[in-house]
Amino acid sequence: MADLSQEEWAAQLAKDENAFLLDVRTEDEVAEGYIPNATNIDIHLGQGFLDELEKLDKSKSYYVYCRSGGRSGQACAIMNSVGFEKAYNLEGGFMNWQGEVAGE
């Protein structure tokens, strides 16, 4: 797992052709806005979160975010433990995101 600053995360995401954007917030949080092209899997689903992870391609690079960076850090650690080698946590999360936002 790597914790990346907002700038590092956005720059790496922009040039990564194998990127998958993962939002681990709740549905209510997502309804307030999200980073375009993100897929939402709520980390609070517990086993359901793990079940959804198992459907994903482990060869991709995962750019993971939540509201402030805590849950996404946990998600990256979980992902690493089940075989995802490239999981990048957005430090400061969505509340500090300066890039494009959809769904507001």
PDB file of N, CA and C in Angstrom:
ATOM      1  N   MET A   1       0.841  -1.187   0.000  1.00  0.00           N
ATOM      2  CA  MET A   1       0.000   0.000   0.000  1.00  0.00           C
ATOM      3  C   MET A   1       0.880   1.242   0.000  1.00  0.00           C
ATOM      4  N   ALA A   2       0.434   2.243  -0.693  1.00  0.00           N
ATOM      5  CA  ALA A   2       1.151   3.510  -0.699  1.00  0.00           C
ATOM      6  C   ALA A   2       0.176   4.636  -0.383  1.00  0.00           C
ATOM      7  N   ASP A   3       0.558   5.496   0.551  1.00  0.00           N
ATOM      8  CA  ASP A   3      -0.205   6.710   0.814  1.00  0.00           C
ATOM      9  C   ASP A   3       0.359   7.782  -0.099  1.00  0.00           C
ATOM     10  N   LEU A   4      -0.492   8.331  -0.948  1.00  0.00           N
ATOM     11  CA  LEU A   4      -0.042   9.360  -1.878  1.00  0.00           C
ATOM     12  C   LEU A   4      -0.727  10.683  -1.558  1.00  0.00           C
ATOM     13  N   SER A   5       0.029  11.777  -1.711  1.00  0.00           N
ATOM     14  CA  SER A   5      -0.574  13.098  -1.545  1.00  0.00           C
ATOM     15  C   SER A   5      -1.612  13.304  -2.647  1.00  0.00           C
ATOM     16  N   GLN A   6      -2.438  14.299  -2.481  1.00  0.00           N
ATOM     17  CA  GLN A   6      -3.454  14.607  -3.489  1.00  0.00           C
ATOM     18  C   GLN A   6      -2.806  14.775  -4.868  1.00  0.00           C
ATOM     19  N   GLU A   7      -1.682  15.510  -4.908  1.00  0.00           N
ATOM     20  CA  GLU A   7      -1.017  15.790  -6.181  1.00  0.00           C
ATOM     21  C   GLU A   7      -0.436  14.512  -6.794  1.00  0.00           C
ATOM     22  N   GLU A   8       0.255  13.709  -5.962  1.00  0.00           N
ATOM     23  CA  GLU A   8       0.862  12.461  -6.455  1.00  0.00           C
ATOM     24  C   GLU A   8      -0.203  11.501  -6.964  1.00  0.00           C
ATOM     25  N   TRP A   9      -1.279  11.376  -6.187  1.00  0.00           N
ATOM     26  CA  TRP A   9      -2.372  10.450  -6.512  1.00  0.00           C
ATOM     27  C   TRP A   9      -3.011  10.830  -7.841  1.00  0.00           C
ATOM     28  N   ALA A  10      -3.336  12.122  -7.986  1.00  0.00           N
ATOM     29  CA  ALA A  10      -3.991  12.602  -9.215  1.00  0.00           C
ATOM     30  C   ALA A  10      -3.074  12.455 -10.424  1.00  0.00           C
ATOM     31  N   ALA A  11      -1.781  12.769 -10.255  1.00  0.00           N
ATOM     32  CA  ALA A  11      -0.834  12.686 -11.374  1.00  0.00           C
ATOM     33  C   ALA A  11      -0.626  11.230 -11.796  1.00  0.00           C
ATOM     34  N   GLN A  12      -0.472  10.348 -10.824  1.00  0.00           N
ATOM     35  CA  GLN A  12      -0.248   8.935 -11.138  1.00  0.00           C
ATOM     36  C   GLN A  12      -1.493   8.331 -11.785  1.00  0.00           C
ATOM     37  N   LEU A  13      -2.678   8.674 -11.253  1.00  0.00           N
ATOM     38  CA  LEU A  13      -3.940   8.190 -11.805  1.00  0.00           C
ATOM     39  C   LEU A  13      -4.091   8.622 -13.263  1.00  0.00           C
ATOM     40  N   ALA A  14      -3.756   9.876 -13.552  1.00  0.00           N
ATOM     41  CA  ALA A  14      -3.942  10.427 -14.890  1.00  0.00           C
ATOM     42  C   ALA A  14      -3.107   9.699 -15.944  1.00  0.00           C
ATOM     43  N   LYS A  15      -1.927   9.200 -15.562  1.00  0.00           N
ATOM     44  CA  LYS A  15      -1.052   8.569 -16.556  1.00  0.00           C
ATOM     45  C   LYS A  15      -1.099   7.039 -16.505  1.00  0.00           C
ATOM     46  N   ASP A  16      -1.908   6.473 -15.626  1.00  0.00           N
ATOM     47  CA  ASP A  16      -1.977   5.017 -15.457  1.00  0.00           C
ATOM     48  C   ASP A  16      -3.094   4.447 -16.325  1.00  0.00           C
ATOM     49  N   GLU A  17      -2.720   3.721 -17.381  1.00  0.00           N
ATOM     50  CA  GLU A  17      -3.719   3.161 -18.290  1.00  0.00           C
ATOM     51  C   GLU A  17      -4.386   1.909 -17.722  1.00  0.00           C
ATOM     52  N   ASN A  18      -3.894   1.423 -16.597  1.00  0.00           N
ATOM     53  CA  ASN A  18      -4.441   0.227 -15.971  1.00  0.00           C
ATOM     54  C   ASN A  18      -5.121   0.577 -14.641  1.00  0.00           C
ATOM     55  N   ALA A  19      -5.604   1.819 -14.535  1.00  0.00           N
ATOM     56  CA  ALA A  19      -6.150   2.320 -13.280  1.00  0.00           C
ATOM     57  C   ALA A  19      -7.605   1.933 -13.067  1.00  0.00           C
ATOM     58  N   PHE A  20      -7.939   1.718 -11.803  1.00  0.00           N
ATOM     59  CA  PHE A  20      -9.312   1.463 -11.367  1.00  0.00           C
ATOM     60  C   PHE A  20      -9.531   2.364 -10.165  1.00  0.00           C
ATOM     61  N   LEU A  21     -10.547   3.218 -10.237  1.00  0.00           N
ATOM     62  CA  LEU A  21     -10.833   4.188  -9.190  1.00  0.00           C
ATOM     63  C   LEU A  21     -11.883   3.604  -8.247  1.00  0.00           C
ATOM     64  N   LEU A  22     -11.538   3.464  -6.972  1.00  0.00           N
ATOM     65  CA  LEU A  22     -12.417   2.817  -6.004  1.00  0.00           C
ATOM     66  C   LEU A  22     -12.774   3.767  -4.869  1.00  0.00           C
ATOM     67  N   ASP A  23     -14.062   3.998  -4.697  1.00  0.00           N
ATOM     68  CA  ASP A  23     -14.619   4.840  -3.635  1.00  0.00           C
ATOM     69  C   ASP A  23     -15.189   3.899  -2.572  1.00  0.00           C
ATOM     70  N   VAL A  24     -14.661   3.949  -1.344  1.00  0.00           N
ATOM     71  CA  VAL A  24     -15.101   3.013  -0.305  1.00  0.00           C
ATOM     72  C   VAL A  24     -16.041   3.677   0.714  1.00  0.00           C
ATOM     73  N   ARG A  25     -16.641   4.805   0.337  1.00  0.00           N
ATOM     74  CA  ARG A  25     -17.569   5.511   1.230  1.00  0.00           C
ATOM     75  C   ARG A  25     -18.970   4.896   1.174  1.00  0.00           C
ATOM     76  N   THR A  26     -19.850   5.435   2.029  1.00  0.00           N
ATOM     77  CA  THR A  26     -21.243   4.984   2.049  1.00  0.00           C
ATOM     78  C   THR A  26     -22.004   5.571   0.859  1.00  0.00           C
ATOM     79  N   GLU A  27     -23.155   4.992   0.558  1.00  0.00           N
ATOM     80  CA  GLU A  27     -23.986   5.502  -0.541  1.00  0.00           C
ATOM     81  C   GLU A  27     -24.381   6.954  -0.302  1.00  0.00           C
ATOM     82  N   ASP A  28     -24.693   7.305   0.950  1.00  0.00           N
ATOM     83  CA  ASP A  28     -25.073   8.685   1.265  1.00  0.00           C
ATOM     84  C   ASP A  28     -23.935   9.658   0.977  1.00  0.00           C
ATOM     85  N   GLU A  29     -22.710   9.253   1.309  1.00  0.00           N
ATOM     86  CA  GLU A  29     -21.560  10.111   1.027  1.00  0.00           C
ATOM     87  C   GLU A  29     -21.353  10.264  -0.477  1.00  0.00           C
ATOM     88  N   VAL A  30     -21.489   9.177  -1.212  1.00  0.00           N
ATOM     89  CA  VAL A  30     -21.314   9.207  -2.664  1.00  0.00           C
ATOM     90  C   VAL A  30     -22.346  10.133  -3.301  1.00  0.00           C
ATOM     91  N   ALA A  31     -23.562  10.135  -2.753  1.00  0.00           N
ATOM     92  CA  ALA A  31     -24.633  10.976  -3.293  1.00  0.00           C
ATOM     93  C   ALA A  31     -24.294  12.460  -3.200  1.00  0.00           C
ATOM     94  N   GLU A  32     -23.379  12.808  -2.313  1.00  0.00           N
ATOM     95  CA  GLU A  32     -22.982  14.210  -2.148  1.00  0.00           C
ATOM     96  C   GLU A  32     -21.901  14.625  -3.134  1.00  0.00           C
ATOM     97  N   GLY A  33     -21.415  13.685  -3.933  1.00  0.00           N
ATOM     98  CA  GLY A  33     -20.390  13.973  -4.933  1.00  0.00           C
ATOM     99  C   GLY A  33     -19.310  12.916  -4.913  1.00  0.00           C
ATOM    100  N   TYR A  34     -18.686  12.693  -6.053  1.00  0.00           N
ATOM    101  CA  TYR A  34     -17.656  11.669  -6.176  1.00  0.00           C
ATOM    102  C   TYR A  34     -16.697  12.039  -7.303  1.00  0.00           C
ATOM    103  N   ILE A  35     -15.558  11.378  -7.328  1.00  0.00           N
ATOM    104  CA  ILE A  35     -14.583  11.592  -8.399  1.00  0.00           C
ATOM    105  C   ILE A  35     -15.094  10.830  -9.628  1.00  0.00           C
ATOM    106  N   PRO A  36     -15.160  11.484 -10.798  1.00  0.00           N
ATOM    107  CA  PRO A  36     -15.706  10.832 -11.990  1.00  0.00           C
ATOM    108  C   PRO A  36     -15.055   9.478 -12.276  1.00  0.00           C
ATOM    109  N   ASN A  37     -15.878   8.544 -12.729  1.00  0.00           N
ATOM    110  CA  ASN A  37     -15.469   7.188 -13.110  1.00  0.00           C
ATOM    111  C   ASN A  37     -15.130   6.278 -11.934  1.00  0.00           C
ATOM    112  N   ALA A  38     -15.444   6.714 -10.714  1.00  0.00           N
ATOM    113  CA  ALA A  38     -15.178   5.871  -9.545  1.00  0.00           C
ATOM    114  C   ALA A  38     -16.250   4.792  -9.412  1.00  0.00           C
ATOM    115  N   THR A  39     -15.840   3.634  -8.931  1.00  0.00           N
ATOM    116  CA  THR A  39     -16.742   2.548  -8.573  1.00  0.00           C
ATOM    117  C   THR A  39     -16.870   2.547  -7.064  1.00  0.00           C
ATOM    118  N   ASN A  40     -18.081   2.468  -6.562  1.00  0.00           N
ATOM    119  CA  ASN A  40     -18.296   2.491  -5.118  1.00  0.00           C
ATOM    120  C   ASN A  40     -18.501   1.089  -4.561  1.00  0.00           C
ATOM    121  N   ILE A  41     -17.676   0.730  -3.571  1.00  0.00           N
ATOM    122  CA  ILE A  41     -17.885  -0.473  -2.765  1.00  0.00           C
ATOM    123  C   ILE A  41     -17.677  -0.034  -1.318  1.00  0.00           C
ATOM    124  N   ASP A  42     -18.739   0.036  -0.551  1.00  0.00           N
ATOM    125  CA  ASP A  42     -18.701   0.521   0.826  1.00  0.00           C
ATOM    126  C   ASP A  42     -17.903  -0.444   1.714  1.00  0.00           C
ATOM    127  N   ILE A  43     -16.844   0.069   2.342  1.00  0.00           N
ATOM    128  CA  ILE A  43     -16.016  -0.772   3.208  1.00  0.00           C
ATOM    129  C   ILE A  43     -16.805  -1.282   4.413  1.00  0.00           C
ATOM    130  N   HIS A  44     -17.875  -0.586   4.781  1.00  0.00           N
ATOM    131  CA  HIS A  44     -18.691  -1.014   5.929  1.00  0.00           C
ATOM    132  C   HIS A  44     -19.519  -2.267   5.639  1.00  0.00           C
ATOM    133  N   LEU A  45     -19.479  -2.764   4.410  1.00  0.00           N
ATOM    134  CA  LEU A  45     -20.214  -3.988   4.073  1.00  0.00           C
ATOM    135  C   LEU A  45     -19.571  -5.238   4.670  1.00  0.00           C
ATOM    136  N   GLY A  46     -18.361  -5.093   5.230  1.00  0.00           N
ATOM    137  CA  GLY A  46     -17.695  -6.235   5.854  1.00  0.00           C
ATOM    138  C   GLY A  46     -17.407  -7.340   4.857  1.00  0.00           C
ATOM    139  N   GLN A  47     -18.007  -8.497   5.062  1.00  0.00           N
ATOM    140  CA  GLN A  47     -17.787  -9.630   4.156  1.00  0.00           C
ATOM    141  C   GLN A  47     -18.242  -9.278   2.739  1.00  0.00           C
ATOM    142  N   GLY A  48     -19.291  -8.481   2.626  1.00  0.00           N
ATOM    143  CA  GLY A  48     -19.759  -8.046   1.312  1.00  0.00           C
ATOM    144  C   GLY A  48     -18.691  -7.252   0.567  1.00  0.00           C
ATOM    145  N   PHE A  49     -17.906  -6.461   1.318  1.00  0.00           N
ATOM    146  CA  PHE A  49     -16.793  -5.715   0.722  1.00  0.00           C
ATOM    147  C   PHE A  49     -15.765  -6.697   0.157  1.00  0.00           C
ATOM    148  N   LEU A  50     -15.417  -7.705   0.941  1.00  0.00           N
ATOM    149  CA  LEU A  50     -14.467  -8.727   0.485  1.00  0.00           C
ATOM    150  C   LEU A  50     -15.006  -9.488  -0.724  1.00  0.00           C
ATOM    151  N   ASP A  51     -16.302  -9.809  -0.690  1.00  0.00           N
ATOM    152  CA  ASP A  51     -16.911 -10.520  -1.813  1.00  0.00           C
ATOM    153  C   ASP A  51     -16.811  -9.704  -3.094  1.00  0.00           C
ATOM    154  N   GLU A  52     -17.056  -8.393  -2.997  1.00  0.00           N
ATOM    155  CA  GLU A  52     -16.972  -7.531  -4.175  1.00  0.00           C
ATOM    156  C   GLU A  52     -15.524  -7.398  -4.655  1.00  0.00           C
ATOM    157  N   LEU A  53     -14.571  -7.335  -3.715  1.00  0.00           N
ATOM    158  CA  LEU A  53     -13.154  -7.263  -4.098  1.00  0.00           C
ATOM    159  C   LEU A  53     -12.752  -8.472  -4.924  1.00  0.00           C
ATOM    160  N   GLU A  54     -13.267  -9.638  -4.545  1.00  0.00           N
ATOM    161  CA  GLU A  54     -12.902 -10.878  -5.235  1.00  0.00           C
ATOM    162  C   GLU A  54     -13.335 -10.871  -6.703  1.00  0.00           C
ATOM    163  N   LYS A  55     -14.274 -10.009  -7.065  1.00  0.00           N
ATOM    164  CA  LYS A  55     -14.740  -9.907  -8.449  1.00  0.00           C
ATOM    165  C   LYS A  55     -13.834  -9.013  -9.302  1.00  0.00           C
ATOM    166  N   LEU A  56     -12.915  -8.299  -8.651  1.00  0.00           N
ATOM    167  CA  LEU A  56     -12.078  -7.332  -9.357  1.00  0.00           C
ATOM    168  C   LEU A  56     -10.802  -7.969  -9.897  1.00  0.00           C
ATOM    169  N   ASP A  57     -10.229  -7.326 -10.902  1.00  0.00           N
ATOM    170  CA  ASP A  57      -9.006  -7.784 -11.554  1.00  0.00           C
ATOM    171  C   ASP A  57      -7.795  -7.361 -10.721  1.00  0.00           C
ATOM    172  N   LYS A  58      -7.099  -8.327 -10.143  1.00  0.00           N
ATOM    173  CA  LYS A  58      -5.976  -8.015  -9.253  1.00  0.00           C
ATOM    174  C   LYS A  58      -4.758  -7.469  -9.988  1.00  0.00           C
ATOM    175  N   SER A  59      -4.759  -7.515 -11.315  1.00  0.00           N
ATOM    176  CA  SER A  59      -3.617  -6.990 -12.068  1.00  0.00           C
ATOM    177  C   SER A  59      -3.704  -5.473 -12.278  1.00  0.00           C
ATOM    178  N   LYS A  60      -4.851  -4.896 -11.975  1.00  0.00           N
ATOM    179  CA  LYS A  60      -5.020  -3.449 -12.167  1.00  0.00           C
ATOM    180  C   LYS A  60      -4.392  -2.673 -11.002  1.00  0.00           C
ATOM    181  N   SER A  61      -4.251  -1.365 -11.208  1.00  0.00           N
ATOM    182  CA  SER A  61      -3.785  -0.454 -10.164  1.00  0.00           C
ATOM    183  C   SER A  61      -5.029   0.197  -9.560  1.00  0.00           C
ATOM    184  N   TYR A  62      -5.163   0.116  -8.237  1.00  0.00           N
ATOM    185  CA  TYR A  62      -6.354   0.632  -7.566  1.00  0.00           C
ATOM    186  C   TYR A  62      -6.048   1.934  -6.836  1.00  0.00           C
ATOM    187  N   TYR A  63      -6.812   2.952  -7.186  1.00  0.00           N
ATOM    188  CA  TYR A  63      -6.711   4.264  -6.562  1.00  0.00           C
ATOM    189  C   TYR A  63      -7.932   4.395  -5.661  1.00  0.00           C
ATOM    190  N   VAL A  64      -7.686   4.358  -4.356  1.00  0.00           N
ATOM    191  CA  VAL A  64      -8.750   4.195  -3.383  1.00  0.00           C
ATOM    192  C   VAL A  64      -8.916   5.472  -2.564  1.00  0.00           C
ATOM    193  N   TYR A  65     -10.175   5.870  -2.362  1.00  0.00           N
ATOM    194  CA  TYR A  65     -10.419   7.041  -1.523  1.00  0.00           C
ATOM    195  C   TYR A  65     -11.684   6.880  -0.695  1.00  0.00           C
ATOM    196  N   CYS A  66     -11.723   7.669   0.400  1.00  0.00           N
ATOM    197  CA  CYS A  66     -12.913   7.772   1.248  1.00  0.00           C
ATOM    198  C   CYS A  66     -13.072   9.257   1.570  1.00  0.00           C
ATOM    199  N   ARG A  67     -13.708   9.583   2.676  1.00  0.00           N
ATOM    200  CA  ARG A  67     -13.917  10.991   3.001  1.00  0.00           C
ATOM    201  C   ARG A  67     -12.618  11.670   3.424  1.00  0.00           C
ATOM    202  N   SER A  68     -11.855  11.032   4.332  1.00  0.00           N
ATOM    203  CA  SER A  68     -10.676  11.697   4.885  1.00  0.00           C
ATOM    204  C   SER A  68      -9.369  10.912   4.747  1.00  0.00           C
ATOM    205  N   GLY A  69      -9.441   9.680   4.260  1.00  0.00           N
ATOM    206  CA  GLY A  69      -8.228   8.887   4.059  1.00  0.00           C
ATOM    207  C   GLY A  69      -8.072   7.717   5.021  1.00  0.00           C
ATOM    208  N   GLY A  70      -8.898   7.640   6.061  1.00  0.00           N
ATOM    209  CA  GLY A  70      -8.791   6.555   7.039  1.00  0.00           C
ATOM    210  C   GLY A  70      -9.328   5.229   6.536  1.00  0.00           C
ATOM    211  N   ARG A  71     -10.581   5.224   6.102  1.00  0.00           N
ATOM    212  CA  ARG A  71     -11.190   3.987   5.595  1.00  0.00           C
ATOM    213  C   ARG A  71     -10.487   3.487   4.348  1.00  0.00           C
ATOM    214  N   SER A  72     -10.047   4.418   3.483  1.00  0.00           N
ATOM    215  CA  SER A  72      -9.361   3.984   2.268  1.00  0.00           C
ATOM    216  C   SER A  72      -8.004   3.378   2.599  1.00  0.00           C
ATOM    217  N   GLY A  73      -7.363   3.854   3.646  1.00  0.00           N
ATOM    218  CA  GLY A  73      -6.125   3.234   4.101  1.00  0.00           C
ATOM    219  C   GLY A  73      -6.374   1.808   4.562  1.00  0.00           C
ATOM    220  N   GLN A  74      -7.459   1.618   5.310  1.00  0.00           N
ATOM    221  CA  GLN A  74      -7.853   0.272   5.750  1.00  0.00           C
ATOM    222  C   GLN A  74      -8.159  -0.604   4.540  1.00  0.00           C
ATOM    223  N   ALA A  75      -8.882  -0.048   3.572  1.00  0.00           N
ATOM    224  CA  ALA A  75      -9.252  -0.803   2.373  1.00  0.00           C
ATOM    225  C   ALA A  75      -8.002  -1.248   1.613  1.00  0.00           C
ATOM    226  N   CYS A  76      -7.019  -0.360   1.489  1.00  0.00           N
ATOM    227  CA  CYS A  76      -5.778  -0.719   0.791  1.00  0.00           C
ATOM    228  C   CYS A  76      -5.066  -1.860   1.516  1.00  0.00           C
ATOM    229  N   ALA A  77      -5.043  -1.804   2.852  1.00  0.00           N
ATOM    230  CA  ALA A  77      -4.402  -2.861   3.631  1.00  0.00           C
ATOM    231  C   ALA A  77      -5.126  -4.188   3.428  1.00  0.00           C
ATOM    232  N   ILE A  78      -6.450  -4.149   3.427  1.00  0.00           N
ATOM    233  CA  ILE A  78      -7.249  -5.361   3.183  1.00  0.00           C
ATOM    234  C   ILE A  78      -6.959  -5.895   1.785  1.00  0.00           C
ATOM    235  N   MET A  79      -6.940  -4.993   0.809  1.00  0.00           N
ATOM    236  CA  MET A  79      -6.685  -5.402  -0.571  1.00  0.00           C
ATOM    237  C   MET A  79      -5.321  -6.059  -0.703  1.00  0.00           C
ATOM    238  N   ASN A  80      -4.302  -5.470  -0.073  1.00  0.00           N
ATOM    239  CA  ASN A  80      -2.960  -6.061  -0.113  1.00  0.00           C
ATOM    240  C   ASN A  80      -2.978  -7.458   0.494  1.00  0.00           C
ATOM    241  N   SER A  81      -3.750  -7.646   1.564  1.00  0.00           N
ATOM    242  CA  SER A  81      -3.774  -8.940   2.262  1.00  0.00           C
ATOM    243  C   SER A  81      -4.448 -10.033   1.444  1.00  0.00           C
ATOM    244  N   VAL A  82      -5.278  -9.663   0.468  1.00  0.00           N
ATOM    245  CA  VAL A  82      -5.947 -10.675  -0.358  1.00  0.00           C
ATOM    246  C   VAL A  82      -5.399 -10.727  -1.790  1.00  0.00           C
ATOM    247  N   GLY A  83      -4.212 -10.123  -1.993  1.00  0.00           N
ATOM    248  CA  GLY A  83      -3.530 -10.324  -3.267  1.00  0.00           C
ATOM    249  C   GLY A  83      -3.491  -9.172  -4.248  1.00  0.00           C
ATOM    250  N   PHE A  84      -3.996  -8.005  -3.861  1.00  0.00           N
ATOM    251  CA  PHE A  84      -3.888  -6.829  -4.734  1.00  0.00           C
ATOM    252  C   PHE A  84      -2.542  -6.182  -4.453  1.00  0.00           C
ATOM    253  N   GLU A  85      -1.679  -6.104  -5.471  1.00  0.00           N
ATOM    254  CA  GLU A  85      -0.332  -5.586  -5.253  1.00  0.00           C
ATOM    255  C   GLU A  85      -0.245  -4.072  -5.380  1.00  0.00           C
ATOM    256  N   LYS A  86      -1.171  -3.470  -6.141  1.00  0.00           N
ATOM    257  CA  LYS A  86      -1.089  -2.032  -6.380  1.00  0.00           C
ATOM    258  C   LYS A  86      -2.358  -1.344  -5.886  1.00  0.00           C
ATOM    259  N   ALA A  87      -2.302  -0.864  -4.626  1.00  0.00           N
ATOM    260  CA  ALA A  87      -3.413  -0.122  -4.040  1.00  0.00           C
ATOM    261  C   ALA A  87      -2.848   1.185  -3.496  1.00  0.00           C
ATOM    262  N   TYR A  88      -3.414   2.291  -3.944  1.00  0.00           N
ATOM    263  CA  TYR A  88      -2.904   3.613  -3.587  1.00  0.00           C
ATOM    264  C   TYR A  88      -3.970   4.404  -2.835  1.00  0.00           C
ATOM    265  N   ASN A  89      -3.631   4.813  -1.626  1.00  0.00           N
ATOM    266  CA  ASN A  89      -4.555   5.546  -0.770  1.00  0.00           C
ATOM    267  C   ASN A  89      -4.416   7.047  -1.000  1.00  0.00           C
ATOM    268  N   LEU A  90      -5.552   7.728  -1.128  1.00  0.00           N
ATOM    269  CA  LEU A  90      -5.575   9.182  -1.286  1.00  0.00           C
ATOM    270  C   LEU A  90      -5.513   9.836   0.093  1.00  0.00           C
ATOM    271  N   GLU A  91      -4.352  10.419   0.440  1.00  0.00           N
ATOM    272  CA  GLU A  91      -4.205  11.100   1.724  1.00  0.00           C
ATOM    273  C   GLU A  91      -5.150  12.294   1.780  1.00  0.00           C
ATOM    274  N   GLY A  92      -5.858  12.420   2.891  1.00  0.00           N
ATOM    275  CA  GLY A  92      -6.780  13.544   3.055  1.00  0.00           C
ATOM    276  C   GLY A  92      -8.146  13.300   2.448  1.00  0.00           C
ATOM    277  N   GLY A  93      -8.261  12.267   1.615  1.00  0.00           N
ATOM    278  CA  GLY A  93      -9.547  11.842   1.074  1.00  0.00           C
ATOM    279  C   GLY A  93     -10.285  12.868   0.235  1.00  0.00           C
ATOM    280  N   PHE A  94     -11.552  12.557   0.031  1.00  0.00           N
ATOM    281  CA  PHE A  94     -12.408  13.357  -0.852  1.00  0.00           C
ATOM    282  C   PHE A  94     -12.613  14.772  -0.327  1.00  0.00           C
ATOM    283  N   MET A  95     -12.601  14.950   0.987  1.00  0.00           N
ATOM    284  CA  MET A  95     -12.870  16.294   1.529  1.00  0.00           C
ATOM    285  C   MET A  95     -11.762  17.288   1.167  1.00  0.00           C
ATOM    286  N   ASN A  96     -10.574  16.795   0.801  1.00  0.00           N
ATOM    287  CA  ASN A  96      -9.495  17.671   0.363  1.00  0.00           C
ATOM    288  C   ASN A  96      -9.259  17.619  -1.143  1.00  0.00           C
ATOM    289  N   TRP A  97     -10.089  16.872  -1.850  1.00  0.00           N
ATOM    290  CA  TRP A  97      -9.918  16.687  -3.295  1.00  0.00           C
ATOM    291  C   TRP A  97     -10.123  18.002  -4.032  1.00  0.00           C
ATOM    292  N   GLN A  98      -9.153  18.347  -4.883  1.00  0.00           N
ATOM    293  CA  GLN A  98      -9.219  19.592  -5.652  1.00  0.00           C
ATOM    294  C   GLN A  98      -9.577  19.351  -7.117  1.00  0.00           C
ATOM    295  N   GLY A  99      -9.633  18.085  -7.516  1.00  0.00           N
ATOM    296  CA  GLY A  99      -9.899  17.759  -8.914  1.00  0.00           C
ATOM    297  C   GLY A  99     -11.382  17.787  -9.265  1.00  0.00           C
ATOM    298  N   GLU A 100     -11.680  17.201 -10.388  1.00  0.00           N
ATOM    299  CA  GLU A 100     -13.046  17.178 -10.902  1.00  0.00           C
ATOM    300  C   GLU A 100     -13.963  16.360  -9.981  1.00  0.00           C
ATOM    301  N   VAL A 101     -15.204  16.824  -9.843  1.00  0.00           N
ATOM    302  CA  VAL A 101     -16.201  16.144  -9.010  1.00  0.00           C
ATOM    303  C   VAL A 101     -17.480  15.966  -9.819  1.00  0.00           C
ATOM    304  N   ALA A 102     -18.097  14.788  -9.691  1.00  0.00           N
ATOM    305  CA  ALA A 102     -19.361  14.514 -10.377  1.00  0.00           C
ATOM    306  C   ALA A 102     -20.462  14.304  -9.334  1.00  0.00           C
ATOM    307  N   GLY A 103     -21.699  14.398  -9.794  1.00  0.00           N
ATOM    308  CA  GLY A 103     -22.843  14.030  -8.971  1.00  0.00           C
ATOM    309  C   GLY A 103     -23.275  15.010  -7.921  1.00  0.00           C
ATOM    310  N   GLU A 104     -22.732  16.240  -7.946  1.00  0.00           N
ATOM    311  CA  GLU A 104     -23.118  17.216  -6.923  1.00  0.00           C
ATOM    312  C   GLU A 104     -24.438  17.872  -7.276  1.00  0.00           C
TER     313      GLU A 104
END
